[in-house]
All heavy atoms as atom14 arrays in JSON, in Angstrom:
{
  "sequence": "WAVVVRTESPIFPTPWQVVTGTLELAEDGTL",
  "atom14_mask": [
    [1, 1, 1, 1, 1, 1, 1, 1, 1, 1, 1, 1, 1, 1],
    [1, 1, 1, 1, 1, 0, 0, 0, 0, 0, 0, 0, 0, 0],
    [1, 1, 1, 1, 1, 1, 1, 0, 0, 0, 0, 0, 0, 0],
    [1, 1, 1, 1, 1, 1, 1, 0, 0, 0, 0, 0, 0, 0],
    [1, 1, 1, 1, 1, 1, 1, 0, 0, 0, 0, 0, 0, 0],
    [1, 1, 1, 1, 1, 1, 1, 1, 1, 1, 1, 0, 0, 0],
    [1, 1, 1, 1, 1, 1, 1, 0, 0, 0, 0, 0, 0, 0],
    [1, 1, 1, 1, 1, 1, 1, 1, 1, 0, 0, 0, 0, 0],
    [1, 1, 1, 1, 1, 1, 0, 0, 0, 0, 0, 0, 0, 0],
    [1, 1, 1, 1, 1, 1, 1, 0, 0, 0, 0, 0, 0, 0],
    [1, 1, 1, 1, 1, 1, 1, 1, 0, 0, 0, 0, 0, 0],
    [1, 1, 1, 1, 1, 1, 1, 1, 1, 1, 1, 0, 0, 0],
    [1, 1, 1, 1, 1, 1, 1, 0, 0, 0, 0, 0, 0, 0],
    [1, 1, 1, 1, 1, 1, 1, 0, 0, 0, 0, 0, 0, 0],
    [1, 1, 1, 1, 1, 1, 1, 0, 0, 0, 0, 0, 0, 0],
    [1, 1, 1, 1, 1, 1, 1, 1, 1, 1, 1, 1, 1, 1],
    [1, 1, 1, 1, 1, 1, 1, 1, 1, 0, 0, 0, 0, 0],
    [1, 1, 1, 1, 1, 1, 1, 0, 0, 0, 0, 0, 0, 0],
    [1, 1, 1, 1, 1, 1, 1, 0, 0, 0, 0, 0, 0, 0],
    [1, 1, 1, 1, 1, 1, 1, 0, 0, 0, 0, 0, 0, 0],
    [1, 1, 1, 1, 0, 0, 0, 0, 0, 0, 0, 0, 0, 0],
    [1, 1, 1, 1, 1, 1, 1, 0, 0, 0, 0, 0, 0, 0],
    [1, 1, 1, 1, 1, 1, 1, 1, 0, 0, 0, 0, 0, 0],
    [1, 1, 1, 1, 1, 1, 1, 1, 1, 0, 0, 0, 0, 0],
    [1, 1, 1, 1, 1, 1, 1, 1, 0, 0, 0, 0, 0, 0],
    [1, 1, 1, 1, 1, 0, 0, 0, 0, 0, 0, 0, 0, 0],
    [1, 1, 1, 1, 1, 1, 1, 1, 1, 0, 0, 0, 0, 0],
    [1, 1, 1, 1, 1, 1, 1, 1, 0, 0, 0, 0, 0, 0],
    [1, 1, 1, 1, 0, 0, 0, 0, 0, 0, 0, 0, 0, 0],
    [1, 1, 1, 1, 1, 1, 1, 0, 0, 0, 0, 0, 0, 0],
    [1, 1, 1, 1, 1, 1, 1, 1, 0, 0, 0, 0, 0, 0]
  ],
  "atom14_positions": [
    [[-6.05, -1.91, -8.52], [-6.55, -0.85, -7.91], [-8.24, -0.86, -7.94], [-8.82, -0.73, -7.02], [-6.18, 0.48, -8.49], [-6.18, 1.64, -7.47], [-7.09, 1.95, -6.67], [-5.2, 2.63, -7.39], [-6.94, 3.11, -6.01], [-5.66, 3.62, -6.38], [-4.02, 2.88, -8.06], [-4.89, 4.72, -6.01], [-3.24, 4.01, -7.63], [-3.78, 4.84, -6.65]],
    [[-8.77, -1.15, -9.04], [-10.14, -1.13, -9.29], [-10.83, -2.38, -8.4], [-11.86, -2.13, -7.8], [-10.51, -1.28, -10.71], [0.0, 0.0, 0.0], [0.0, 0.0, 0.0], [0.0, 0.0, 0.0], [0.0, 0.0, 0.0], [0.0, 0.0, 0.0], [0.0, 0.0, 0.0], [0.0, 0.0, 0.0], [0.0, 0.0, 0.0], [0.0, 0.0, 0.0]],
    [[-10.19, -3.51, -8.41], [-10.67, -4.57, -7.6], [-10.63, -4.32, -6.16], [-11.68, -4.59, -5.44], [-9.89, -5.91, -7.91], [-10.28, -6.97, -6.95], [-10.12, -6.3, -9.39], [0.0, 0.0, 0.0], [0.0, 0.0, 0.0], [0.0, 0.0, 0.0], [0.0, 0.0, 0.0], [0.0, 0.0, 0.0], [0.0, 0.0, 0.0], [0.0, 0.0, 0.0]],
    [[-9.59, -3.71, -5.62], [-9.52, -3.45, -4.13], [-10.49, -2.31, -3.85], [-11.28, -2.59, -2.77], [-8.15, -2.88, -3.82], [-8.0, -2.35, -2.41], [-7.03, -4.01, -4.06], [0.0, 0.0, 0.0], [0.0, 0.0, 0.0], [0.0, 0.0, 0.0], [0.0, 0.0, 0.0], [0.0, 0.0, 0.0], [0.0, 0.0, 0.0], [0.0, 0.0, 0.0]],
    [[-10.66, -1.3, -4.66], [-11.68, -0.3, -4.31], [-13.12, -0.86, -4.5], [-14.01, -0.57, -3.69], [-11.61, 0.9, -5.37], [-12.58, 1.93, -5.19], [-10.25, 1.55, -5.09], [0.0, 0.0, 0.0], [0.0, 0.0, 0.0], [0.0, 0.0, 0.0], [0.0, 0.0, 0.0], [0.0, 0.0, 0.0], [0.0, 0.0, 0.0], [0.0, 0.0, 0.0]],
    [[-13.36, -1.71, -5.53], [-14.71, -2.22, -5.7], [-15.12, -3.12, -4.61], [-16.18, -3.13, -4.04], [-14.68, -3.1, -7.06], [-15.85, -3.79, -7.36], [-17.03, -2.84, -7.9], [-18.23, -3.47, -8.3], [-19.27, -2.88, -8.92], [-19.32, -1.48, -9.04], [-20.35, -3.57, -9.24], [0.0, 0.0, 0.0], [0.0, 0.0, 0.0], [0.0, 0.0, 0.0]],
    [[-14.23, -3.89, -3.99], [-14.51, -4.9, -2.97], [-14.41, -4.38, -1.6], [-14.86, -4.91, -0.61], [-13.61, -6.12, -3.06], [-12.21, -5.71, -3.01], [-13.69, -6.92, -4.41], [0.0, 0.0, 0.0], [0.0, 0.0, 0.0], [0.0, 0.0, 0.0], [0.0, 0.0, 0.0], [0.0, 0.0, 0.0], [0.0, 0.0, 0.0], [0.0, 0.0, 0.0]],
    [[-13.8, -3.17, -1.62], [-13.71, -2.37, -0.26], [-12.96, -3.31, 0.71], [-13.23, -3.35, 1.84], [-14.91, -1.95, 0.27], [-15.75, -0.93, -0.63], [-17.1, -0.56, -0.05], [-17.46, -1.05, 0.93], [-17.79, 0.52, -0.6], [0.0, 0.0, 0.0], [0.0, 0.0, 0.0], [0.0, 0.0, 0.0], [0.0, 0.0, 0.0], [0.0, 0.0, 0.0]],
    [[-11.87, -3.84, 0.24], [-11.05, -4.8, 1.07], [-10.42, -3.98, 2.21], [-9.72, -3.08, 1.98], [-10.1, -5.57, 0.29], [-9.3, -6.25, 1.16], [0.0, 0.0, 0.0], [0.0, 0.0, 0.0], [0.0, 0.0, 0.0], [0.0, 0.0, 0.0], [0.0, 0.0, 0.0], [0.0, 0.0, 0.0], [0.0, 0.0, 0.0], [0.0, 0.0, 0.0]],
    [[-10.76, -4.41, 3.41], [-9.95, -3.85, 4.7], [-8.46, -4.21, 4.91], [-7.9, -3.61, 5.77], [-10.87, -4.12, 5.85], [-11.34, -5.47, 5.41], [-11.57, -5.54, 3.95], [0.0, 0.0, 0.0], [0.0, 0.0, 0.0], [0.0, 0.0, 0.0], [0.0, 0.0, 0.0], [0.0, 0.0, 0.0], [0.0, 0.0, 0.0], [0.0, 0.0, 0.0]],
    [[-8.18, -5.36, 4.15], [-6.77, -5.98, 4.45], [-5.89, -5.66, 3.2], [-4.86, -5.19, 3.32], [-6.97, -7.45, 4.69], [-7.76, -7.68, 6.12], [-5.62, -8.08, 4.86], [-7.94, -9.13, 6.29], [0.0, 0.0, 0.0], [0.0, 0.0, 0.0], [0.0, 0.0, 0.0], [0.0, 0.0, 0.0], [0.0, 0.0, 0.0], [0.0, 0.0, 0.0]],
    [[-6.42, -5.97, 2.01], [-5.59, -6.01, 0.8], [-5.2, -4.56, 0.36], [-6.26, -3.85, 0.32], [-6.1, -6.8, -0.31], [-5.13, -7.17, -1.35], [-4.44, -8.44, -1.12], [-4.94, -6.52, -2.48], [-3.4, -8.64, -2.04], [-3.95, -6.86, -3.44], [-3.21, -8.03, -3.2], [0.0, 0.0, 0.0], [0.0, 0.0, 0.0], [0.0, 0.0, 0.0]],
    [[-3.97, -4.14, 0.25], [-3.78, -2.68, -0.01], [-4.02, -2.29, -1.56], [-3.97, -3.16, -2.44], [-2.34, -2.58, 0.39], [-1.75, -3.94, 0.04], [-2.82, -4.92, 0.23], [0.0, 0.0, 0.0], [0.0, 0.0, 0.0], [0.0, 0.0, 0.0], [0.0, 0.0, 0.0], [0.0, 0.0, 0.0], [0.0, 0.0, 0.0], [0.0, 0.0, 0.0]],
    [[-4.23, -1.02, -1.65], [-4.15, -0.43, -3.09], [-2.69, -0.26, -3.48], [-1.84, -0.28, -2.69], [-4.81, 0.83, -3.02], [-4.11, 1.81, -2.2], [-6.27, 0.74, -2.61], [0.0, 0.0, 0.0], [0.0, 0.0, 0.0], [0.0, 0.0, 0.0], [0.0, 0.0, 0.0], [0.0, 0.0, 0.0], [0.0, 0.0, 0.0], [0.0, 0.0, 0.0]],
    [[-2.45, -0.06, -4.81], [-1.1, 0.26, -5.18], [-0.55, 1.48, -4.57], [0.78, 1.49, -4.18], [-1.27, 0.45, -6.66], [-2.52, -0.39, -7.16], [-3.39, -0.21, -5.86], [0.0, 0.0, 0.0], [0.0, 0.0, 0.0], [0.0, 0.0, 0.0], [0.0, 0.0, 0.0], [0.0, 0.0, 0.0], [0.0, 0.0, 0.0], [0.0, 0.0, 0.0]],
    [[-1.35, 2.5, -4.2], [-0.74, 3.7, -3.59], [-0.37, 3.37, -2.18], [0.69, 3.9, -1.67], [-1.86, 4.8, -3.74], [-1.29, 6.11, -3.01], [-1.74, 6.66, -1.73], [-0.13, 6.85, -3.45], [-0.98, 7.69, -1.49], [0.04, 7.88, -2.47], [0.78, 6.77, -4.48], [0.86, 8.91, -2.52], [1.7, 7.73, -4.7], [1.84, 8.82, -3.75]],
    [[-1.12, 2.49, -1.54], [-0.67, 2.1, -0.12], [0.54, 1.41, -0.17], [1.36, 1.51, 0.75], [-1.81, 1.35, 0.54], [-3.04, 2.1, 0.89], [-4.16, 1.26, 1.29], [-4.28, 0.11, 0.77], [-4.96, 1.62, 2.29], [0.0, 0.0, 0.0], [0.0, 0.0, 0.0], [0.0, 0.0, 0.0], [0.0, 0.0, 0.0], [0.0, 0.0, 0.0]],
    [[0.69, 0.55, -1.14], [2.1, -0.18, -1.18], [3.22, 0.8, -1.5], [4.38, 0.79, -0.82], [2.0, -1.13, -2.43], [3.34, -1.82, -2.72], [0.98, -2.3, -2.15], [0.0, 0.0, 0.0], [0.0, 0.0, 0.0], [0.0, 0.0, 0.0], [0.0, 0.0, 0.0], [0.0, 0.0, 0.0], [0.0, 0.0, 0.0], [0.0, 0.0, 0.0]],
    [[3.0, 1.84, -2.35], [3.98, 2.79, -2.61], [4.37, 3.62, -1.31], [5.54, 3.83, -1.05], [3.52, 3.87, -3.65], [4.56, 5.07, -3.78], [3.41, 3.16, -4.96], [0.0, 0.0, 0.0], [0.0, 0.0, 0.0], [0.0, 0.0, 0.0], [0.0, 0.0, 0.0], [0.0, 0.0, 0.0], [0.0, 0.0, 0.0], [0.0, 0.0, 0.0]],
    [[3.41, 4.04, -0.57], [3.66, 4.81, 0.69], [4.31, 3.92, 1.66], [5.19, 4.34, 2.49], [2.2, 5.28, 1.3], [1.43, 4.27, 1.45], [1.59, 6.46, 0.3], [0.0, 0.0, 0.0], [0.0, 0.0, 0.0], [0.0, 0.0, 0.0], [0.0, 0.0, 0.0], [0.0, 0.0, 0.0], [0.0, 0.0, 0.0], [0.0, 0.0, 0.0]],
    [[3.95, 2.63, 1.86], [4.63, 1.69, 2.58], [6.1, 1.43, 2.27], [7.06, 1.42, 3.12], [0.0, 0.0, 0.0], [0.0, 0.0, 0.0], [0.0, 0.0, 0.0], [0.0, 0.0, 0.0], [0.0, 0.0, 0.0], [0.0, 0.0, 0.0], [0.0, 0.0, 0.0], [0.0, 0.0, 0.0], [0.0, 0.0, 0.0], [0.0, 0.0, 0.0]],
    [[6.4, 1.44, 1.02], [7.73, 1.29, 0.58], [8.54, 2.51, 0.94], [9.66, 2.48, 1.41], [7.86, 1.06, -0.99], [7.02, 0.05, -1.3], [9.21, 0.86, -1.35], [0.0, 0.0, 0.0], [0.0, 0.0, 0.0], [0.0, 0.0, 0.0], [0.0, 0.0, 0.0], [0.0, 0.0, 0.0], [0.0, 0.0, 0.0], [0.0, 0.0, 0.0]],
    [[7.98, 3.73, 0.64], [8.72, 4.93, 1.05], [8.9, 4.99, 2.66], [10.02, 5.64, 3.01], [7.84, 6.24, 0.62], [7.78, 6.26, -0.91], [6.84, 7.5, -1.24], [9.06, 6.61, -1.6], [0.0, 0.0, 0.0], [0.0, 0.0, 0.0], [0.0, 0.0, 0.0], [0.0, 0.0, 0.0], [0.0, 0.0, 0.0], [0.0, 0.0, 0.0]],
    [[8.06, 4.47, 3.28], [8.1, 4.54, 4.71], [9.44, 3.71, 5.11], [10.18, 4.12, 6.02], [6.89, 4.03, 5.45], [6.93, 3.79, 6.9], [5.75, 3.1, 7.44], [4.62, 3.1, 6.87], [5.91, 2.37, 8.44], [0.0, 0.0, 0.0], [0.0, 0.0, 0.0], [0.0, 0.0, 0.0], [0.0, 0.0, 0.0], [0.0, 0.0, 0.0]],
    [[9.52, 2.54, 4.69], [10.55, 1.65, 4.82], [11.88, 2.24, 4.43], [12.99, 2.18, 5.07], [10.41, 0.32, 4.34], [9.32, -0.61, 4.85], [9.35, -1.91, 4.13], [9.69, -0.86, 6.33], [0.0, 0.0, 0.0], [0.0, 0.0, 0.0], [0.0, 0.0, 0.0], [0.0, 0.0, 0.0], [0.0, 0.0, 0.0], [0.0, 0.0, 0.0]],
    [[11.91, 2.93, 3.22], [13.06, 3.47, 2.67], [13.66, 4.65, 3.53], [14.82, 4.9, 3.64], [12.79, 3.9, 1.24], [0.0, 0.0, 0.0], [0.0, 0.0, 0.0], [0.0, 0.0, 0.0], [0.0, 0.0, 0.0], [0.0, 0.0, 0.0], [0.0, 0.0, 0.0], [0.0, 0.0, 0.0], [0.0, 0.0, 0.0], [0.0, 0.0, 0.0]],
    [[12.68, 5.56, 3.96], [13.1, 6.62, 4.74], [13.65, 6.32, 6.09], [14.73, 7.04, 6.52], [11.82, 7.52, 4.97], [11.27, 8.31, 3.74], [10.0, 9.0, 3.95], [9.47, 8.9, 5.08], [9.58, 9.58, 3.04], [0.0, 0.0, 0.0], [0.0, 0.0, 0.0], [0.0, 0.0, 0.0], [0.0, 0.0, 0.0], [0.0, 0.0, 0.0]],
    [[13.26, 5.29, 6.8], [13.83, 4.95, 7.93], [15.07, 4.01, 7.93], [15.75, 3.53, 8.87], [12.84, 4.42, 8.94], [12.32, 3.0, 8.57], [12.83, 2.28, 7.62], [11.23, 2.63, 9.15], [0.0, 0.0, 0.0], [0.0, 0.0, 0.0], [0.0, 0.0, 0.0], [0.0, 0.0, 0.0], [0.0, 0.0, 0.0], [0.0, 0.0, 0.0]],
    [[15.4, 3.62, 6.68], [16.57, 2.84, 6.43], [16.23, 1.35, 6.53], [17.23, 0.5, 6.22], [0.0, 0.0, 0.0], [0.0, 0.0, 0.0], [0.0, 0.0, 0.0], [0.0, 0.0, 0.0], [0.0, 0.0, 0.0], [0.0, 0.0, 0.0], [0.0, 0.0, 0.0], [0.0, 0.0, 0.0], [0.0, 0.0, 0.0], [0.0, 0.0, 0.0]],
    [[15.14, 0.94, 6.96], [14.95, -0.47, 7.22], [14.92, -1.39, 5.77], [15.56, -2.44, 5.8], [13.54, -0.72, 7.82], [13.43, -0.01, 9.02], [13.32, -2.22, 8.0], [0.0, 0.0, 0.0], [0.0, 0.0, 0.0], [0.0, 0.0, 0.0], [0.0, 0.0, 0.0], [0.0, 0.0, 0.0], [0.0, 0.0, 0.0], [0.0, 0.0, 0.0]],
    [[14.4, -0.73, 4.85], [14.36, -1.46, 3.53], [15.75, -1.76, 3.0], [16.1, -2.85, 2.69], [13.64, -0.55, 2.51], [13.51, -1.16, 1.03], [12.81, -2.38, 1.06], [12.88, -0.13, 0.16], [0.0, 0.0, 0.0], [0.0, 0.0, 0.0], [0.0, 0.0, 0.0], [0.0, 0.0, 0.0], [0.0, 0.0, 0.0], [0.0, 0.0, 0.0]]
  ]
}
């Protein structure tokens, strides 16, 4: 998390973005 925030990467996600993406897939059944 610290490295992503520090580098302000526009592509690589933070841990929270990964969590929200996982929930998104789980909610629509795709996962």
